[in-house]
Amino acid sequence: MNLGYECVLNDEKICDGCGECEICDLDENKICDNCGKCLDIRDDAVIKIDAVITDDKL
């Protein structure tokens, strides 16, 4: 919360400390703990390799 500043959820409102911005998007009974589940963040990335091209001139 940023009391007195622009609301992060409604740019036409000044922050009044309502706490709505701290509620979890997936469970409205939980305070957000920045777990990232709502963003579908993965710990790893996968790249599919279709072919391996070699340079025979080396």
PDB file of N, CA and C in Angstrom:
ATOM      1  N   MET A   1       0.824  -1.181   0.000  1.00  0.00           N
ATOM      2  CA  MET A   1       0.000   0.000   0.000  1.00  0.00           C
ATOM      3  C   MET A   1       0.870   1.247   0.000  1.00  0.00           C
ATOM      4  N   ASN A   2       0.402   2.234  -0.712  1.00  0.00           N
ATOM      5  CA  ASN A   2       1.094   3.519  -0.777  1.00  0.00           C
ATOM      6  C   ASN A   2       0.118   4.629  -0.419  1.00  0.00           C
ATOM      7  N   LEU A   3      -0.196   4.742   0.848  1.00  0.00           N
ATOM      8  CA  LEU A   3      -1.166   5.743   1.303  1.00  0.00           C
ATOM      9  C   LEU A   3      -0.854   7.118   0.737  1.00  0.00           C
ATOM     10  N   GLY A   4      -1.877   7.737   0.158  1.00  0.00           N
ATOM     11  CA  GLY A   4      -1.728   9.074  -0.388  1.00  0.00           C
ATOM     12  C   GLY A   4      -1.285   9.109  -1.835  1.00  0.00           C
ATOM     13  N   TYR A   5      -0.818   7.979  -2.373  1.00  0.00           N
ATOM     14  CA  TYR A   5      -0.388   7.895  -3.763  1.00  0.00           C
ATOM     15  C   TYR A   5      -1.490   7.262  -4.611  1.00  0.00           C
ATOM     16  N   GLU A   6      -1.281   7.230  -5.926  1.00  0.00           N
ATOM     17  CA  GLU A   6      -2.255   6.630  -6.833  1.00  0.00           C
ATOM     18  C   GLU A   6      -2.432   5.146  -6.524  1.00  0.00           C
ATOM     19  N   CYS A   7      -3.672   4.697  -6.518  1.00  0.00           N
ATOM     20  CA  CYS A   7      -4.000   3.293  -6.290  1.00  0.00           C
ATOM     21  C   CYS A   7      -3.418   2.446  -7.426  1.00  0.00           C
ATOM     22  N   VAL A   8      -2.835   1.288  -7.103  1.00  0.00           N
ATOM     23  CA  VAL A   8      -2.241   0.424  -8.128  1.00  0.00           C
ATOM     24  C   VAL A   8      -3.303  -0.348  -8.903  1.00  0.00           C
ATOM     25  N   LEU A   9      -4.527  -0.423  -8.382  1.00  0.00           N
ATOM     26  CA  LEU A   9      -5.604  -1.143  -9.058  1.00  0.00           C
ATOM     27  C   LEU A   9      -6.576  -0.227  -9.786  1.00  0.00           C
ATOM     28  N   ASN A  10      -6.630   1.038  -9.386  1.00  0.00           N
ATOM     29  CA  ASN A  10      -7.576   1.986  -9.967  1.00  0.00           C
ATOM     30  C   ASN A  10      -6.884   3.339 -10.078  1.00  0.00           C
ATOM     31  N   ASP A  11      -6.498   3.712 -11.296  1.00  0.00           N
ATOM     32  CA  ASP A  11      -5.734   4.948 -11.467  1.00  0.00           C
ATOM     33  C   ASP A  11      -6.555   6.217 -11.264  1.00  0.00           C
ATOM     34  N   GLU A  12      -7.844   6.072 -11.020  1.00  0.00           N
ATOM     35  CA  GLU A  12      -8.687   7.226 -10.734  1.00  0.00           C
ATOM     36  C   GLU A  12      -8.889   7.422  -9.228  1.00  0.00           C
ATOM     37  N   LYS A  13      -8.155   6.663  -8.421  1.00  0.00           N
ATOM     38  CA  LYS A  13      -8.338   6.674  -6.969  1.00  0.00           C
ATOM     39  C   LYS A  13      -6.996   6.878  -6.277  1.00  0.00           C
ATOM     40  N   ILE A  14      -7.022   7.550  -5.156  1.00  0.00           N
ATOM     41  CA  ILE A  14      -5.842   7.693  -4.303  1.00  0.00           C
ATOM     42  C   ILE A  14      -5.889   6.561  -3.275  1.00  0.00           C
ATOM     43  N   CYS A  15      -4.737   5.965  -2.980  1.00  0.00           N
ATOM     44  CA  CYS A  15      -4.682   4.862  -2.014  1.00  0.00           C
ATOM     45  C   CYS A  15      -5.244   5.310  -0.670  1.00  0.00           C
ATOM     46  N   ASP A  16      -6.229   4.545  -0.194  1.00  0.00           N
ATOM     47  CA  ASP A  16      -6.831   4.848   1.105  1.00  0.00           C
ATOM     48  C   ASP A  16      -6.594   3.732   2.116  1.00  0.00           C
ATOM     49  N   GLY A  17      -5.694   2.792   1.765  1.00  0.00           N
ATOM     50  CA  GLY A  17      -5.344   1.728   2.692  1.00  0.00           C
ATOM     51  C   GLY A  17      -6.357   0.604   2.774  1.00  0.00           C
ATOM     52  N   CYS A  18      -7.181   0.418   1.729  1.00  0.00           N
ATOM     53  CA  CYS A  18      -8.226  -0.607   1.782  1.00  0.00           C
ATOM     54  C   CYS A  18      -7.651  -2.028   1.806  1.00  0.00           C
ATOM     55  N   GLY A  19      -6.435  -2.213   1.262  1.00  0.00           N
ATOM     56  CA  GLY A  19      -5.776  -3.518   1.287  1.00  0.00           C
ATOM     57  C   GLY A  19      -6.151  -4.442   0.147  1.00  0.00           C
ATOM     58  N   GLU A  20      -7.010  -4.008  -0.759  1.00  0.00           N
ATOM     59  CA  GLU A  20      -7.430  -4.862  -1.871  1.00  0.00           C
ATOM     60  C   GLU A  20      -6.244  -5.289  -2.742  1.00  0.00           C
ATOM     61  N   CYS A  21      -5.237  -4.458  -2.847  1.00  0.00           N
ATOM     62  CA  CYS A  21      -4.069  -4.767  -3.668  1.00  0.00           C
ATOM     63  C   CYS A  21      -3.198  -5.857  -3.048  1.00  0.00           C
ATOM     64  N   GLU A  22      -3.416  -6.189  -1.798  1.00  0.00           N
ATOM     65  CA  GLU A  22      -2.609  -7.205  -1.128  1.00  0.00           C
ATOM     66  C   GLU A  22      -3.299  -8.561  -1.059  1.00  0.00           C
ATOM     67  N   ILE A  23      -4.477  -8.686  -1.666  1.00  0.00           N
ATOM     68  CA  ILE A  23      -5.222  -9.942  -1.654  1.00  0.00           C
ATOM     69  C   ILE A  23      -4.736 -10.834  -2.802  1.00  0.00           C
ATOM     70  N   CYS A  24      -4.569 -12.106  -2.517  1.00  0.00           N
ATOM     71  CA  CYS A  24      -4.150 -13.094  -3.519  1.00  0.00           C
ATOM     72  C   CYS A  24      -5.189 -13.181  -4.632  1.00  0.00           C
ATOM     73  N   ASP A  25      -4.730 -13.223  -5.881  1.00  0.00           N
ATOM     74  CA  ASP A  25      -5.635 -13.336  -7.027  1.00  0.00           C
ATOM     75  C   ASP A  25      -6.283 -14.713  -7.118  1.00  0.00           C
ATOM     76  N   LEU A  26      -5.643 -15.725  -6.548  1.00  0.00           N
ATOM     77  CA  LEU A  26      -6.157 -17.095  -6.643  1.00  0.00           C
ATOM     78  C   LEU A  26      -6.993 -17.513  -5.441  1.00  0.00           C
ATOM     79  N   ASP A  27      -6.772 -16.893  -4.293  1.00  0.00           N
ATOM     80  CA  ASP A  27      -7.501 -17.222  -3.068  1.00  0.00           C
ATOM     81  C   ASP A  27      -7.818 -15.932  -2.327  1.00  0.00           C
ATOM     82  N   GLU A  28      -9.046 -15.458  -2.438  1.00  0.00           N
ATOM     83  CA  GLU A  28      -9.416 -14.167  -1.860  1.00  0.00           C
ATOM     84  C   GLU A  28      -9.341 -14.120  -0.337  1.00  0.00           C
ATOM     85  N   ASN A  29      -9.124 -15.269   0.300  1.00  0.00           N
ATOM     86  CA  ASN A  29      -8.995 -15.321   1.760  1.00  0.00           C
ATOM     87  C   ASN A  29      -7.539 -15.269   2.213  1.00  0.00           C
ATOM     88  N   LYS A  30      -6.622 -15.043   1.267  1.00  0.00           N
ATOM     89  CA  LYS A  30      -5.194 -15.091   1.560  1.00  0.00           C
ATOM     90  C   LYS A  30      -4.528 -13.765   1.175  1.00  0.00           C
ATOM     91  N   ILE A  31      -3.579 -13.333   1.994  1.00  0.00           N
ATOM     92  CA  ILE A  31      -2.751 -12.174   1.654  1.00  0.00           C
ATOM     93  C   ILE A  31      -1.675 -12.649   0.669  1.00  0.00           C
ATOM     94  N   CYS A  32      -1.431 -11.866  -0.362  1.00  0.00           N
ATOM     95  CA  CYS A  32      -0.432 -12.229  -1.366  1.00  0.00           C
ATOM     96  C   CYS A  32       0.943 -12.395  -0.716  1.00  0.00           C
ATOM     97  N   ASP A  33       1.611 -13.510  -1.044  1.00  0.00           N
ATOM     98  CA  ASP A  33       2.961 -13.748  -0.530  1.00  0.00           C
ATOM     99  C   ASP A  33       3.983 -13.816  -1.672  1.00  0.00           C
ATOM    100  N   ASN A  34       3.577 -13.306  -2.843  1.00  0.00           N
ATOM    101  CA  ASN A  34       4.444 -13.250  -4.026  1.00  0.00           C
ATOM    102  C   ASN A  34       4.935 -14.625  -4.467  1.00  0.00           C
ATOM    103  N   CYS A  35       4.071 -15.633  -4.359  1.00  0.00           N
ATOM    104  CA  CYS A  35       4.456 -16.988  -4.765  1.00  0.00           C
ATOM    105  C   CYS A  35       4.581 -17.110  -6.283  1.00  0.00           C
ATOM    106  N   GLY A  36       3.876 -16.270  -7.041  1.00  0.00           N
ATOM    107  CA  GLY A  36       3.969 -16.286  -8.497  1.00  0.00           C
ATOM    108  C   GLY A  36       3.050 -17.267  -9.189  1.00  0.00           C
ATOM    109  N   LYS A  37       2.253 -18.029  -8.437  1.00  0.00           N
ATOM    110  CA  LYS A  37       1.366 -19.020  -9.055  1.00  0.00           C
ATOM    111  C   LYS A  37       0.360 -18.376 -10.004  1.00  0.00           C
ATOM    112  N   CYS A  38      -0.065 -17.167  -9.715  1.00  0.00           N
ATOM    113  CA  CYS A  38      -1.011 -16.473 -10.586  1.00  0.00           C
ATOM    114  C   CYS A  38      -0.348 -16.059 -11.902  1.00  0.00           C
ATOM    115  N   LEU A  39       0.977 -16.003 -11.919  1.00  0.00           N
ATOM    116  CA  LEU A  39       1.718 -15.617 -13.119  1.00  0.00           C
ATOM    117  C   LEU A  39       2.183 -16.816 -13.917  1.00  0.00           C
ATOM    118  N   ASP A  40       1.966 -18.021 -13.411  1.00  0.00           N
ATOM    119  CA  ASP A  40       2.403 -19.265 -14.052  1.00  0.00           C
ATOM    120  C   ASP A  40       3.904 -19.237 -14.350  1.00  0.00           C
ATOM    121  N   ILE A  41       4.684 -18.813 -13.345  1.00  0.00           N
ATOM    122  CA  ILE A  41       6.141 -18.753 -13.484  1.00  0.00           C
ATOM    123  C   ILE A  41       6.724 -20.138 -13.235  1.00  0.00           C
ATOM    124  N   ARG A  42       7.608 -20.557 -14.107  1.00  0.00           N
ATOM    125  CA  ARG A  42       8.283 -21.857 -13.951  1.00  0.00           C
ATOM    126  C   ARG A  42       9.712 -21.641 -13.499  1.00  0.00           C
ATOM    127  N   ASP A  43      10.259 -22.649 -12.843  1.00  0.00           N
ATOM    128  CA  ASP A  43      11.646 -22.564 -12.393  1.00  0.00           C
ATOM    129  C   ASP A  43      12.636 -22.870 -13.506  1.00  0.00           C
ATOM    130  N   ASP A  44      12.158 -23.468 -14.582  1.00  0.00           N
ATOM    131  CA  ASP A  44      13.053 -23.827 -15.670  1.00  0.00           C
ATOM    132  C   ASP A  44      12.420 -23.474 -17.009  1.00  0.00           C
ATOM    133  N   ALA A  45      13.227 -23.407 -18.012  1.00  0.00           N
ATOM    134  CA  ALA A  45      12.748 -23.140 -19.366  1.00  0.00           C
ATOM    135  C   ALA A  45      13.178 -24.294 -20.251  1.00  0.00           C
ATOM    136  N   VAL A  46      12.395 -24.589 -21.263  1.00  0.00           N
ATOM    137  CA  VAL A  46      12.681 -25.707 -22.153  1.00  0.00           C
ATOM    138  C   VAL A  46      12.786 -25.188 -23.573  1.00  0.00           C
ATOM    139  N   ILE A  47      13.817 -25.623 -24.267  1.00  0.00           N
ATOM    140  CA  ILE A  47      13.995 -25.286 -25.674  1.00  0.00           C
ATOM    141  C   ILE A  47      14.028 -26.584 -26.453  1.00  0.00           C
ATOM    142  N   LYS A  48      13.155 -26.701 -27.447  1.00  0.00           N
ATOM    143  CA  LYS A  48      13.120 -27.902 -28.278  1.00  0.00           C
ATOM    144  C   LYS A  48      14.154 -27.761 -29.394  1.00  0.00           C
ATOM    145  N   ILE A  49      15.003 -28.774 -29.552  1.00  0.00           N
ATOM    146  CA  ILE A  49      16.008 -28.788 -30.614  1.00  0.00           C
ATOM    147  C   ILE A  49      15.497 -29.699 -31.712  1.00  0.00           C
ATOM    148  N   ASP A  50      15.287 -29.120 -32.894  1.00  0.00           N
ATOM    149  CA  ASP A  50      14.771 -29.875 -34.032  1.00  0.00           C
ATOM    150  C   ASP A  50      15.873 -30.614 -34.777  1.00  0.00           C
ATOM    151  N   ALA A  51      17.051 -30.029 -34.840  1.00  0.00           N
ATOM    152  CA  ALA A  51      18.140 -30.638 -35.595  1.00  0.00           C
ATOM    153  C   ALA A  51      19.467 -30.086 -35.093  1.00  0.00           C
ATOM    154  N   VAL A  52      20.530 -30.862 -35.353  1.00  0.00           N
ATOM    155  CA  VAL A  52      21.880 -30.414 -35.043  1.00  0.00           C
ATOM    156  C   VAL A  52      22.619 -30.279 -36.363  1.00  0.00           C
ATOM    157  N   ILE A  53      23.113 -29.089 -36.646  1.00  0.00           N
ATOM    158  CA  ILE A  53      23.816 -28.841 -37.905  1.00  0.00           C
ATOM    159  C   ILE A  53      25.285 -28.718 -37.575  1.00  0.00           C
ATOM    160  N   THR A  54      26.095 -29.513 -38.248  1.00  0.00           N
ATOM    161  CA  THR A  54      27.548 -29.461 -38.028  1.00  0.00           C
ATOM    162  C   THR A  54      28.219 -28.894 -39.262  1.00  0.00           C
ATOM    163  N   ASP A  55      29.356 -28.269 -39.047  1.00  0.00           N
ATOM    164  CA  ASP A  55      30.138 -27.711 -40.139  1.00  0.00           C
ATOM    165  C   ASP A  55      31.308 -28.647 -40.390  1.00  0.00           C
ATOM    166  N   ASP A  56      31.247 -29.381 -41.465  1.00  0.00           N
ATOM    167  CA  ASP A  56      32.288 -30.367 -41.782  1.00  0.00           C
ATOM    168  C   ASP A  56      33.617 -29.725 -42.195  1.00  0.00           C
ATOM    169  N   LYS A  57      33.626 -28.426 -42.427  1.00  0.00           N
ATOM    170  CA  LYS A  57      34.854 -27.743 -42.867  1.00  0.00           C
ATOM    171  C   LYS A  57      35.831 -27.538 -41.723  1.00  0.00           C
ATOM    172  N   LEU A  58      35.393 -27.708 -40.487  1.00  0.00           N
ATOM    173  CA  LEU A  58      36.286 -27.466 -39.337  1.00  0.00           C
ATOM    174  C   LEU A  58      37.234 -28.574 -39.146  1.00  0.00           C
TER     175      LEU A  58
END
